[in-house]
Amino acid sequence: MTRGGQIATCDAARRLAVETLIAERSAVDAAGPVARTFWPPWLRR
């Protein structure tokens, strides 16, 4: 795999990770404050 291909693959993986994180946070926010109490303290907002 060329360097350009590696960068494209890494960029796609990073984009997917960010989309997943945003979706998870949106789901927790929609569930309300009770859902946040089950998260470890360092993940609570």
C-alpha atoms as a PDB file:
ATOM      1  CA  MET A   1       0.000   0.000   0.000  1.00  0.00           C
ATOM      2  CA  THR A   2       1.337   3.406  -0.881  1.00  0.00           C
ATOM      3  CA  ARG A   3       1.662   6.236   1.598  1.00  0.00           C
ATOM      4  CA  GLY A   4      -1.319   8.000   0.004  1.00  0.00           C
ATOM      5  CA  GLY A   5      -3.417   4.881   0.429  1.00  0.00           C
ATOM      6  CA  GLN A   6      -2.415   4.594   4.084  1.00  0.00           C
ATOM      7  CA  ILE A   7      -3.353   8.215   4.708  1.00  0.00           C
ATOM      8  CA  ALA A   8      -6.724   7.759   3.006  1.00  0.00           C
ATOM      9  CA  THR A   9      -7.445   4.621   5.052  1.00  0.00           C
ATOM     10  CA  CYS A  10      -6.458   6.337   8.304  1.00  0.00           C
ATOM     11  CA  ASP A  11      -8.529   9.400   7.435  1.00  0.00           C
ATOM     12  CA  ALA A  12     -11.590   7.239   6.747  1.00  0.00           C
ATOM     13  CA  ALA A  13     -11.144   5.393  10.055  1.00  0.00           C
ATOM     14  CA  ARG A  14     -10.780   8.666  11.936  1.00  0.00           C
ATOM     15  CA  ARG A  15     -13.917  10.052  10.271  1.00  0.00           C
ATOM     16  CA  LEU A  16     -15.882   6.933  11.259  1.00  0.00           C
ATOM     17  CA  ALA A  17     -14.630   7.189  14.862  1.00  0.00           C
ATOM     18  CA  VAL A  18     -15.716  10.827  15.095  1.00  0.00           C
ATOM     19  CA  GLU A  19     -19.148  10.055  13.632  1.00  0.00           C
ATOM     20  CA  THR A  20     -19.569   7.201  16.121  1.00  0.00           C
ATOM     21  CA  LEU A  21     -18.567   9.402  19.062  1.00  0.00           C
ATOM     22  CA  ILE A  22     -21.003  12.130  18.017  1.00  0.00           C
ATOM     23  CA  ALA A  23     -23.819   9.581  17.623  1.00  0.00           C
ATOM     24  CA  GLU A  24     -23.091   8.056  21.055  1.00  0.00           C
ATOM     25  CA  ARG A  25     -23.090  11.455  22.747  1.00  0.00           C
ATOM     26  CA  SER A  26     -26.313  12.443  20.990  1.00  0.00           C
ATOM     27  CA  ALA A  27     -27.977   9.235  22.182  1.00  0.00           C
ATOM     28  CA  VAL A  28     -26.873   9.867  25.764  1.00  0.00           C
ATOM     29  CA  ASP A  29     -28.035  13.474  25.608  1.00  0.00           C
ATOM     30  CA  ALA A  30     -31.414  12.343  24.274  1.00  0.00           C
ATOM     31  CA  ALA A  31     -31.752   9.795  27.095  1.00  0.00           C
ATOM     32  CA  GLY A  32     -31.387  12.532  29.689  1.00  0.00           C
ATOM     33  CA  PRO A  33     -29.379  13.045  32.840  1.00  0.00           C
ATOM     34  CA  VAL A  34     -30.151   9.602  34.287  1.00  0.00           C
ATOM     35  CA  ALA A  35     -28.241   7.889  31.469  1.00  0.00           C
ATOM     36  CA  ARG A  36     -25.162  10.016  32.194  1.00  0.00           C
ATOM     37  CA  THR A  37     -24.919   8.758  35.779  1.00  0.00           C
ATOM     38  CA  PHE A  38     -23.933   5.288  34.551  1.00  0.00           C
ATOM     39  CA  TRP A  39     -20.926   6.644  32.670  1.00  0.00           C
ATOM     40  CA  PRO A  40     -17.534   6.860  34.360  1.00  0.00           C
ATOM     41  CA  PRO A  41     -16.954  10.342  35.811  1.00  0.00           C
ATOM     42  CA  TRP A  42     -14.332  11.264  33.204  1.00  0.00           C
ATOM     43  CA  LEU A  43     -16.890  10.757  30.383  1.00  0.00           C
ATOM     44  CA  ARG A  44     -19.718  12.769  31.937  1.00  0.00           C
ATOM     45  CA  ARG A  45     -20.355  16.269  30.662  1.00  0.00           C
END
